[in-house]
Amino acid sequence: MARAKRHYIPGQVWHLTHRCHKREFLLKFRKDRQSWLQWLYEAKKRYGLVIFNYTVTSNHIHLLVLDAGDRHVIPQSMQLLAGRVGQEHNRRKNRKGAFWEDRYHATAIETGEHLCRCLVYLDLNMVRAGVVSHPAEWEHGGYNEIQQPRQRKSLIHYDKLCSHLGIGNYELLRESHREWIEEALKESRHSREEKWTQSIAVGSRNFVEKTKEVLGVRAKGRKAQTSSGGACELREPQLFYQHDFASKKQGLSEENSYFWEDYAEISG
């Protein structure tokens, strides 16, 4: 089948998820998670990738970014991250074969309240997994960087994050962010929510409908539906396709999944 190409919507916030091949725990070693963060910094330097948050787990990553540059910034960044991390791991472990699933998934997130909820969802990933009791305990996530900016090799763009959250300055961001996390932990609001990782778009109904209109034929047949927390989401059906690198068939969210090694231009 033809390879999917990334949707390009200038100014759009995207939540990207990318899993290791066959969901193997290939990122279980600290060295590989640290490598992913180092190459994320390199993507920021090379391409101007605007990063809002991130989490590296043992078998997948979450990345919250802004479409702030040209249409190649995000796909080139994902290609750099996936390619270099996989190469380094395979060389070190004398391993052959794919390191990542061939596609990563992208969900458009509305700014403001919905971006806030998505931000918290990323921070609580390892709490949901039962690995830590607080996101501050996980060094390969963005929580600590939002709470205490790095002196060197900072990843998060605080000014743009504040702007898209509707917060006036960094100090207010840090205080609000800490309160959001503590409230979610207190109320045990850290269960898995598929809308953040399997939808085309999450936000108000107006935002979702506008996103569907912008995507045009690529969102044909998808319907906006109300999900948890009063949000609206645009979902796609599970389709089956022939895997490019193996004969085994598997289901995935087709219309918003992108080959990490393909960043061909598409019309916006």
C-alpha atoms as a PDB file:
ATOM      1  CA  MET A   1       0.000   0.000   0.000  1.00  0.00           C
ATOM      2  CA  ALA A   2       1.045   3.625  -0.436  1.00  0.00           C
ATOM      3  CA  ARG A   3       2.851   5.103   2.505  1.00  0.00           C
ATOM      4  CA  ALA A   4       0.940   7.520   4.693  1.00  0.00           C
ATOM      5  CA  LYS A   5       2.218  11.083   4.812  1.00  0.00           C
ATOM      6  CA  ARG A   6       1.910  13.420   7.748  1.00  0.00           C
ATOM      7  CA  HIS A   7      -0.872  15.972   7.983  1.00  0.00           C
ATOM      8  CA  TYR A   8       0.510  19.504   8.115  1.00  0.00           C
ATOM      9  CA  ILE A   9      -1.511  22.142   9.972  1.00  0.00           C
ATOM     10  CA  PRO A  10       0.563  25.247  10.819  1.00  0.00           C
ATOM     11  CA  GLY A  11       0.262  26.222  14.486  1.00  0.00           C
ATOM     12  CA  GLN A  12      -1.262  22.876  15.490  1.00  0.00           C
ATOM     13  CA  VAL A  13      -0.215  21.048  18.669  1.00  0.00           C
ATOM     14  CA  TRP A  14       0.373  17.326  18.118  1.00  0.00           C
ATOM     15  CA  HIS A  15       0.666  14.465  20.578  1.00  0.00           C
ATOM     16  CA  LEU A  16       2.945  11.867  18.984  1.00  0.00           C
ATOM     17  CA  THR A  17       3.343   8.291  20.166  1.00  0.00           C
ATOM     18  CA  HIS A  18       5.819   5.742  18.829  1.00  0.00           C
ATOM     19  CA  ARG A  19       6.153   2.162  20.062  1.00  0.00           C
ATOM     20  CA  CYS A  20       9.037  -0.259  19.940  1.00  0.00           C
ATOM     21  CA  HIS A  21       8.795  -3.122  17.443  1.00  0.00           C
ATOM     22  CA  LYS A  22       6.171  -5.661  18.575  1.00  0.00           C
ATOM     23  CA  ARG A  23       5.929  -3.625  21.806  1.00  0.00           C
ATOM     24  CA  GLU A  24       9.192  -5.115  23.010  1.00  0.00           C
ATOM     25  CA  PHE A  25      10.884  -3.421  25.971  1.00  0.00           C
ATOM     26  CA  LEU A  26      13.785  -2.146  23.905  1.00  0.00           C
ATOM     27  CA  LEU A  27      13.982   1.106  25.883  1.00  0.00           C
ATOM     28  CA  LYS A  28      14.315  -0.670  29.234  1.00  0.00           C
ATOM     29  CA  PHE A  29      17.931   0.408  29.560  1.00  0.00           C
ATOM     30  CA  ARG A  30      18.627   3.896  30.871  1.00  0.00           C
ATOM     31  CA  LYS A  31      21.286   4.335  28.187  1.00  0.00           C
ATOM     32  CA  ASP A  32      18.705   4.031  25.396  1.00  0.00           C
ATOM     33  CA  ARG A  33      16.210   6.381  27.054  1.00  0.00           C
ATOM     34  CA  GLN A  34      19.002   8.896  27.578  1.00  0.00           C
ATOM     35  CA  SER A  35      20.027   8.485  23.946  1.00  0.00           C
ATOM     36  CA  TRP A  36      16.476   9.316  22.822  1.00  0.00           C
ATOM     37  CA  LEU A  37      16.552  12.527  24.866  1.00  0.00           C
ATOM     38  CA  GLN A  38      19.940  13.492  23.461  1.00  0.00           C
ATOM     39  CA  TRP A  39      18.705  13.043  19.903  1.00  0.00           C
ATOM     40  CA  LEU A  40      15.530  14.955  20.775  1.00  0.00           C
ATOM     41  CA  TYR A  41      17.760  17.871  21.735  1.00  0.00           C
ATOM     42  CA  GLU A  42      19.605  17.446  18.443  1.00  0.00           C
ATOM     43  CA  ALA A  43      16.283  17.585  16.552  1.00  0.00           C
ATOM     44  CA  LYS A  44      15.481  20.817  18.374  1.00  0.00           C
ATOM     45  CA  LYS A  45      18.847  22.276  17.323  1.00  0.00           C
ATOM     46  CA  ARG A  46      18.822  21.026  13.728  1.00  0.00           C
ATOM     47  CA  TYR A  47      15.227  21.574  12.720  1.00  0.00           C
ATOM     48  CA  GLY A  48      13.772  23.967  15.284  1.00  0.00           C
ATOM     49  CA  LEU A  49      11.408  21.376  16.753  1.00  0.00           C
ATOM     50  CA  VAL A  50       9.158  23.084  19.337  1.00  0.00           C
ATOM     51  CA  ILE A  51       8.694  20.737  22.310  1.00  0.00           C
ATOM     52  CA  PHE A  52       6.024  21.080  24.994  1.00  0.00           C
ATOM     53  CA  ASN A  53       6.445  17.789  26.881  1.00  0.00           C
ATOM     54  CA  TYR A  54       7.819  14.256  26.528  1.00  0.00           C
ATOM     55  CA  THR A  55       8.010  10.873  28.227  1.00  0.00           C
ATOM     56  CA  VAL A  56      10.270   7.929  27.402  1.00  0.00           C
ATOM     57  CA  THR A  57       9.024   4.602  28.778  1.00  0.00           C
ATOM     58  CA  SER A  58      10.475   1.104  28.441  1.00  0.00           C
ATOM     59  CA  ASN A  59       8.657   0.303  25.182  1.00  0.00           C
ATOM     60  CA  HIS A  60       7.276   3.554  23.730  1.00  0.00           C
ATOM     61  CA  ILE A  61       7.589   7.335  23.759  1.00  0.00           C
ATOM     62  CA  HIS A  62       5.206  10.276  24.025  1.00  0.00           C
ATOM     63  CA  LEU A  63       6.058  13.648  22.504  1.00  0.00           C
ATOM     64  CA  LEU A  64       3.982  16.829  22.623  1.00  0.00           C
ATOM     65  CA  VAL A  65       5.069  19.288  19.920  1.00  0.00           C
ATOM     66  CA  LEU A  66       3.959  22.341  17.971  1.00  0.00           C
ATOM     67  CA  ASP A  67       3.805  22.604  14.172  1.00  0.00           C
ATOM     68  CA  ALA A  68       5.739  25.871  14.248  1.00  0.00           C
ATOM     69  CA  GLY A  69       8.145  25.474  11.337  1.00  0.00           C
ATOM     70  CA  ASP A  70       7.846  24.152   7.805  1.00  0.00           C
ATOM     71  CA  ARG A  71       6.067  20.904   7.017  1.00  0.00           C
ATOM     72  CA  HIS A  72       9.236  18.822   7.295  1.00  0.00           C
ATOM     73  CA  VAL A  73      10.228  19.695  10.874  1.00  0.00           C
ATOM     74  CA  ILE A  74       8.233  17.040  12.732  1.00  0.00           C
ATOM     75  CA  PRO A  75       8.737  14.112  10.324  1.00  0.00           C
ATOM     76  CA  GLN A  76      12.457  14.856   9.957  1.00  0.00           C
ATOM     77  CA  SER A  77      12.763  15.001  13.731  1.00  0.00           C
ATOM     78  CA  MET A  78      10.974  11.664  14.134  1.00  0.00           C
ATOM     79  CA  GLN A  79      13.195  10.138  11.481  1.00  0.00           C
ATOM     80  CA  LEU A  80      16.319  11.356  13.272  1.00  0.00           C
ATOM     81  CA  LEU A  81      15.129  10.097  16.660  1.00  0.00           C
ATOM     82  CA  ALA A  82      13.987   6.690  15.495  1.00  0.00           C
ATOM     83  CA  GLY A  83      16.920   6.053  13.188  1.00  0.00           C
ATOM     84  CA  ARG A  84      19.741   7.054  15.505  1.00  0.00           C
ATOM     85  CA  VAL A  85      18.354   5.478  18.685  1.00  0.00           C
ATOM     86  CA  GLY A  86      17.641   2.191  16.906  1.00  0.00           C
ATOM     87  CA  GLN A  87      21.057   2.129  15.242  1.00  0.00           C
ATOM     88  CA  GLU A  88      22.897   2.811  18.480  1.00  0.00           C
ATOM     89  CA  HIS A  89      20.977   0.130  20.389  1.00  0.00           C
ATOM     90  CA  ASN A  90      21.395  -2.525  17.697  1.00  0.00           C
ATOM     91  CA  ARG A  91      25.101  -1.808  17.351  1.00  0.00           C
ATOM     92  CA  ARG A  92      25.694  -1.927  21.111  1.00  0.00           C
ATOM     93  CA  LYS A  93      23.695  -5.140  21.585  1.00  0.00           C
ATOM     94  CA  ASN A  94      24.831  -6.741  18.323  1.00  0.00           C
ATOM     95  CA  ARG A  95      21.159  -6.930  17.417  1.00  0.00           C
ATOM     96  CA  LYS A  96      19.518  -6.996  13.974  1.00  0.00           C
ATOM     97  CA  GLY A  97      16.028  -6.061  12.893  1.00  0.00           C
ATOM     98  CA  ALA A  98      13.546  -3.270  13.443  1.00  0.00           C
ATOM     99  CA  PHE A  99      13.717  -1.306  16.683  1.00  0.00           C
ATOM    100  CA  TRP A 100      10.476   0.678  16.205  1.00  0.00           C
ATOM    101  CA  GLU A 101       7.067   0.037  14.765  1.00  0.00           C
ATOM    102  CA  ASP A 102       7.226   1.460  11.268  1.00  0.00           C
ATOM    103  CA  ARG A 103       4.549   4.058  12.032  1.00  0.00           C
ATOM    104  CA  TYR A 104       4.122   6.685  14.709  1.00  0.00           C
ATOM    105  CA  HIS A 105       0.705   8.084  15.621  1.00  0.00           C
ATOM    106  CA  ALA A 106      -0.274  11.760  15.741  1.00  0.00           C
ATOM    107  CA  THR A 107      -3.254  13.307  17.541  1.00  0.00           C
ATOM    108  CA  ALA A 108      -4.166  16.986  17.108  1.00  0.00           C
ATOM    109  CA  ILE A 109      -4.738  18.625  20.503  1.00  0.00           C
ATOM    110  CA  GLU A 110      -6.699  21.831  21.060  1.00  0.00           C
ATOM    111  CA  THR A 111      -4.891  24.526  23.018  1.00  0.00           C
ATOM    112  CA  GLY A 112      -5.973  25.662  26.498  1.00  0.00           C
ATOM    113  CA  GLU A 113      -7.811  23.218  28.758  1.00  0.00           C
ATOM    114  CA  HIS A 114      -7.374  20.183  26.502  1.00  0.00           C
ATOM    115  CA  LEU A 115      -3.646  20.826  26.095  1.00  0.00           C
ATOM    116  CA  CYS A 116      -3.417  21.054  29.889  1.00  0.00           C
ATOM    117  CA  ARG A 117      -5.059  17.643  30.278  1.00  0.00           C
ATOM    118  CA  CYS A 118      -2.828  16.089  27.638  1.00  0.00           C
ATOM    119  CA  LEU A 119       0.245  17.561  29.337  1.00  0.00           C
ATOM    120  CA  VAL A 120      -0.766  15.951  32.633  1.00  0.00           C
ATOM    121  CA  TYR A 121      -1.578  12.662  30.877  1.00  0.00           C
ATOM    122  CA  LEU A 122       2.013  12.471  29.593  1.00  0.00           C
ATOM    123  CA  ASP A 123       3.462  13.285  32.999  1.00  0.00           C
ATOM    124  CA  LEU A 124       1.458  10.522  34.683  1.00  0.00           C
ATOM    125  CA  ASN A 125       2.438   7.780  32.230  1.00  0.00           C
ATOM    126  CA  MET A 126       4.842   5.957  34.521  1.00  0.00           C
ATOM    127  CA  VAL A 127       2.466   6.402  37.470  1.00  0.00           C
ATOM    128  CA  ARG A 128      -0.188   4.566  35.425  1.00  0.00           C
ATOM    129  CA  ALA A 129       2.379   1.849  34.727  1.00  0.00           C
ATOM    130  CA  GLY A 130       2.997   1.438  38.467  1.00  0.00           C
ATOM    131  CA  VAL A 131       6.714   2.194  38.081  1.00  0.00           C
ATOM    132  CA  VAL A 132       6.693   5.381  40.183  1.00  0.00           C
ATOM    133  CA  SER A 133       4.247   7.058  42.549  1.00  0.00           C
ATOM    134  CA  HIS A 134       4.978  10.592  41.323  1.00  0.00           C
ATOM    135  CA  PRO A 135       6.242  11.874  37.936  1.00  0.00           C
ATOM    136  CA  ALA A 136       9.144  13.643  39.689  1.00  0.00           C
ATOM    137  CA  GLU A 137      10.606  10.176  40.300  1.00  0.00           C
ATOM    138  CA  TRP A 138      10.933   9.436  36.562  1.00  0.00           C
ATOM    139  CA  GLU A 139      13.971  11.195  35.100  1.00  0.00           C
ATOM    140  CA  HIS A 140      13.070  10.570  31.453  1.00  0.00           C
ATOM    141  CA  GLY A 141       9.932  12.700  31.379  1.00  0.00           C
ATOM    142  CA  GLY A 142       9.209  16.403  31.068  1.00  0.00           C
ATOM    143  CA  TYR A 143       7.736  16.960  34.532  1.00  0.00           C
ATOM    144  CA  ASN A 144      11.039  17.831  36.220  1.00  0.00           C
ATOM    145  CA  GLU A 145      12.109  20.067  33.343  1.00  0.00           C
ATOM    146  CA  ILE A 146       8.888  22.074  33.565  1.00  0.00           C
ATOM    147  CA  GLN A 147       9.334  22.395  37.322  1.00  0.00           C
ATOM    148  CA  GLN A 148      13.035  23.197  37.122  1.00  0.00           C
ATOM    149  CA  PRO A 149      14.429  24.340  33.743  1.00  0.00           C
ATOM    150  CA  ARG A 150      17.679  22.743  32.691  1.00  0.00           C
ATOM    151  CA  GLN A 151      20.829  24.839  32.696  1.00  0.00           C
ATOM    152  CA  ARG A 152      22.117  22.990  29.630  1.00  0.00           C
ATOM    153  CA  LYS A 153      20.397  21.256  26.731  1.00  0.00           C
ATOM    154  CA  SER A 154      16.900  22.371  27.651  1.00  0.00           C
ATOM    155  CA  LEU A 155      14.148  20.798  25.562  1.00  0.00           C
ATOM    156  CA  ILE A 156      10.881  22.530  26.443  1.00  0.00           C
ATOM    157  CA  HIS A 157       9.868  25.840  24.853  1.00  0.00           C
ATOM    158  CA  TYR A 158       8.368  27.559  27.904  1.00  0.00           C
ATOM    159  CA  ASP A 159       7.165  30.752  26.235  1.00  0.00           C
ATOM    160  CA  LYS A 160       5.181  28.972  23.541  1.00  0.00           C
ATOM    161  CA  LEU A 161       3.852  26.434  26.041  1.00  0.00           C
ATOM    162  CA  CYS A 162       2.618  29.260  28.294  1.00  0.00           C
ATOM    163  CA  SER A 163       0.998  30.971  25.312  1.00  0.00           C
ATOM    164  CA  HIS A 164      -0.851  27.846  24.172  1.00  0.00           C
ATOM    165  CA  LEU A 165      -2.018  27.073  27.692  1.00  0.00           C
ATOM    166  CA  GLY A 166      -3.235  30.650  28.181  1.00  0.00           C
ATOM    167  CA  ILE A 167      -0.799  31.239  31.078  1.00  0.00           C
ATOM    168  CA  GLY A 168       1.005  34.563  31.455  1.00  0.00           C
ATOM    169  CA  ASN A 169       4.525  33.540  32.458  1.00  0.00           C
ATOM    170  CA  TYR A 170       6.792  30.680  33.484  1.00  0.00           C
ATOM    171  CA  GLU A 171       6.296  31.071  37.241  1.00  0.00           C
ATOM    172  CA  LEU A 172       2.542  30.703  36.820  1.00  0.00           C
ATOM    173  CA  LEU A 173       3.125  27.711  34.529  1.00  0.00           C
ATOM    174  CA  ARG A 174       5.288  25.950  37.117  1.00  0.00           C
ATOM    175  CA  GLU A 175       2.824  26.592  39.928  1.00  0.00           C
ATOM    176  CA  SER A 176      -0.211  25.578  37.870  1.00  0.00           C
ATOM    177  CA  HIS A 177       1.527  22.495  36.501  1.00  0.00           C
ATOM    178  CA  ARG A 178       2.421  21.288  39.990  1.00  0.00           C
ATOM    179  CA  GLU A 179      -1.170  21.835  41.160  1.00  0.00           C
ATOM    180  CA  TRP A 180      -2.604  19.944  38.147  1.00  0.00           C
ATOM    181  CA  ILE A 181      -0.429  16.932  38.908  1.00  0.00           C
ATOM    182  CA  GLU A 182      -1.143  16.925  42.631  1.00  0.00           C
ATOM    183  CA  GLU A 183      -4.879  17.217  42.015  1.00  0.00           C
ATOM    184  CA  ALA A 184      -4.829  14.352  39.502  1.00  0.00           C
ATOM    185  CA  LEU A 185      -2.876  12.150  41.921  1.00  0.00           C
ATOM    186  CA  LYS A 186      -5.162  13.020  44.824  1.00  0.00           C
ATOM    187  CA  GLU A 187      -8.259  12.161  42.818  1.00  0.00           C
ATOM    188  CA  SER A 188      -6.585   9.095  41.239  1.00  0.00           C
ATOM    189  CA  ARG A 189      -7.173  10.554  37.775  1.00  0.00           C
ATOM    190  CA  HIS A 190      -4.347   8.742  36.065  1.00  0.00           C
ATOM    191  CA  SER A 191      -6.003   5.831  34.275  1.00  0.00           C
ATOM    192  CA  ARG A 192      -5.333   5.154  30.599  1.00  0.00           C
ATOM    193  CA  GLU A 193      -7.426   7.216  28.163  1.00  0.00           C
ATOM    194  CA  GLU A 194      -7.380   6.032  24.560  1.00  0.00           C
ATOM    195  CA  LYS A 195      -8.459   9.388  23.171  1.00  0.00           C
ATOM    196  CA  TRP A 196      -4.973  10.842  23.665  1.00  0.00           C
ATOM    197  CA  THR A 197      -3.242   8.088  21.684  1.00  0.00           C
ATOM    198  CA  GLN A 198      -5.771   6.695  19.196  1.00  0.00           C
ATOM    199  CA  SER A 199      -7.766   9.701  17.997  1.00  0.00           C
ATOM    200  CA  ILE A 200      -7.167  12.039  15.081  1.00  0.00           C
ATOM    201  CA  ALA A 201      -8.109  15.075  17.175  1.00  0.00           C
ATOM    202  CA  VAL A 202      -9.138  15.916  20.746  1.00  0.00           C
ATOM    203  CA  GLY A 203     -10.754  19.147  21.925  1.00  0.00           C
ATOM    204  CA  SER A 204     -14.042  20.998  21.745  1.00  0.00           C
ATOM    205  CA  ARG A 205     -16.587  19.909  19.155  1.00  0.00           C
ATOM    206  CA  ASN A 206     -15.895  23.062  17.161  1.00  0.00           C
ATOM    207  CA  PHE A 207     -12.142  22.310  17.125  1.00  0.00           C
ATOM    208  CA  VAL A 208     -12.675  18.689  16.125  1.00  0.00           C
ATOM    209  CA  GLU A 209     -15.063  19.621  13.312  1.00  0.00           C
ATOM    210  CA  LYS A 210     -12.644  22.270  12.011  1.00  0.00           C
ATOM    211  CA  THR A 211      -9.770  19.782  12.125  1.00  0.00           C
ATOM    212  CA  LYS A 212     -11.845  17.285  10.187  1.00  0.00           C
ATOM    213  CA  GLU A 213     -12.593  19.972   7.580  1.00  0.00           C
ATOM    214  CA  VAL A 214      -8.906  20.864   7.225  1.00  0.00           C
ATOM    215  CA  LEU A 215      -7.910  17.216   6.815  1.00  0.00           C
ATOM    216  CA  GLY A 216     -10.567  16.776   4.131  1.00  0.00           C
ATOM    217  CA  VAL A 217     -10.571  13.385   2.450  1.00  0.00           C
ATOM    218  CA  ARG A 218      -8.052  12.057   4.985  1.00  0.00           C
ATOM    219  CA  ALA A 219     -10.742  12.323   7.681  1.00  0.00           C
ATOM    220  CA  LYS A 220     -13.626  11.151   5.500  1.00  0.00           C
ATOM    221  CA  GLY A 221     -16.003   8.850   7.354  1.00  0.00           C
ATOM    222  CA  ARG A 222     -14.663   9.816  10.758  1.00  0.00           C
ATOM    223  CA  LYS A 223     -17.192  11.111  13.253  1.00  0.00           C
ATOM    224  CA  ALA A 224     -16.814  13.439  16.210  1.00  0.00           C
ATOM    225  CA  GLN A 225     -17.896  11.829  19.448  1.00  0.00           C
ATOM    226  CA  THR A 226     -17.980  12.873  23.096  1.00  0.00           C
ATOM    227  CA  SER A 227     -15.425  11.193  25.325  1.00  0.00           C
ATOM    228  CA  SER A 228     -14.432  11.321  28.990  1.00  0.00           C
ATOM    229  CA  GLY A 229     -13.942  14.671  30.682  1.00  0.00           C
ATOM    230  CA  GLY A 230     -16.360  16.425  28.339  1.00  0.00           C
ATOM    231  CA  ALA A 231     -13.887  16.412  25.457  1.00  0.00           C
ATOM    232  CA  CYS A 232     -14.792  15.649  21.875  1.00  0.00           C
ATOM    233  CA  GLU A 233     -12.645  13.384  19.727  1.00  0.00           C
ATOM    234  CA  LEU A 234     -12.358  12.373  16.109  1.00  0.00           C
ATOM    235  CA  ARG A 235     -11.782   8.643  15.862  1.00  0.00           C
ATOM    236  CA  GLU A 236     -10.870   6.363  13.010  1.00  0.00           C
ATOM    237  CA  PRO A 237     -11.797   2.697  12.540  1.00  0.00           C
ATOM    238  CA  GLN A 238      -9.208  -0.039  12.973  1.00  0.00           C
ATOM    239  CA  LEU A 239      -8.020  -1.125   9.535  1.00  0.00           C
ATOM    240  CA  PHE A 240      -5.763  -3.977   8.578  1.00  0.00           C
ATOM    241  CA  TYR A 241      -2.809  -3.663   6.282  1.00  0.00           C
ATOM    242  CA  GLN A 242       0.096  -5.750   5.074  1.00  0.00           C
ATOM    243  CA  HIS A 243       3.165  -4.895   7.153  1.00  0.00           C
ATOM    244  CA  ASP A 244       5.966  -3.498   4.979  1.00  0.00           C
ATOM    245  CA  PHE A 245       8.682  -5.471   6.732  1.00  0.00           C
ATOM    246  CA  ALA A 246       6.904  -8.719   7.635  1.00  0.00           C
ATOM    247  CA  SER A 247       4.103 -10.910   6.374  1.00  0.00           C
ATOM    248  CA  LYS A 248       2.080 -10.712   9.583  1.00  0.00           C
ATOM    249  CA  LYS A 249      -1.005  -8.506   9.437  1.00  0.00           C
ATOM    250  CA  GLN A 250      -1.906  -6.193  12.284  1.00  0.00           C
ATOM    251  CA  GLY A 251      -4.545  -3.543  13.042  1.00  0.00           C
ATOM    252  CA  LEU A 252      -3.704   0.118  13.522  1.00  0.00           C
ATOM    253  CA  SER A 253      -5.165   3.589  13.325  1.00  0.00           C
ATOM    254  CA  GLU A 254      -4.470   4.190   9.667  1.00  0.00           C
ATOM    255  CA  GLU A 255      -5.328   7.771   8.856  1.00  0.00           C
ATOM    256  CA  ASN A 256      -3.147   9.427  11.479  1.00  0.00           C
ATOM    257  CA  SER A 257      -0.195   7.048  11.546  1.00  0.00           C
ATOM    258  CA  TYR A 258       2.979   7.962   9.716  1.00  0.00           C
ATOM    259  CA  PHE A 259       6.071   6.116   8.584  1.00  0.00           C
ATOM    260  CA  TRP A 260       8.920   7.614  10.565  1.00  0.00           C
ATOM    261  CA  GLU A 261      11.334   7.240   7.662  1.00  0.00           C
ATOM    262  CA  ASP A 262       9.031   9.025   5.175  1.00  0.00           C
ATOM    263  CA  TYR A 263       8.749  12.810   5.294  1.00  0.00           C
ATOM    264  CA  ALA A 264       7.566  13.560   1.776  1.00  0.00           C
ATOM    265  CA  GLU A 265       5.697  16.822   1.340  1.00  0.00           C
ATOM    266  CA  ILE A 266       1.943  16.905   1.209  1.00  0.00           C
ATOM    267  CA  SER A 267      -0.447  19.713   0.507  1.00  0.00           C
ATOM    268  CA  GLY A 268      -1.801  21.322   3.679  1.00  0.00           C
END
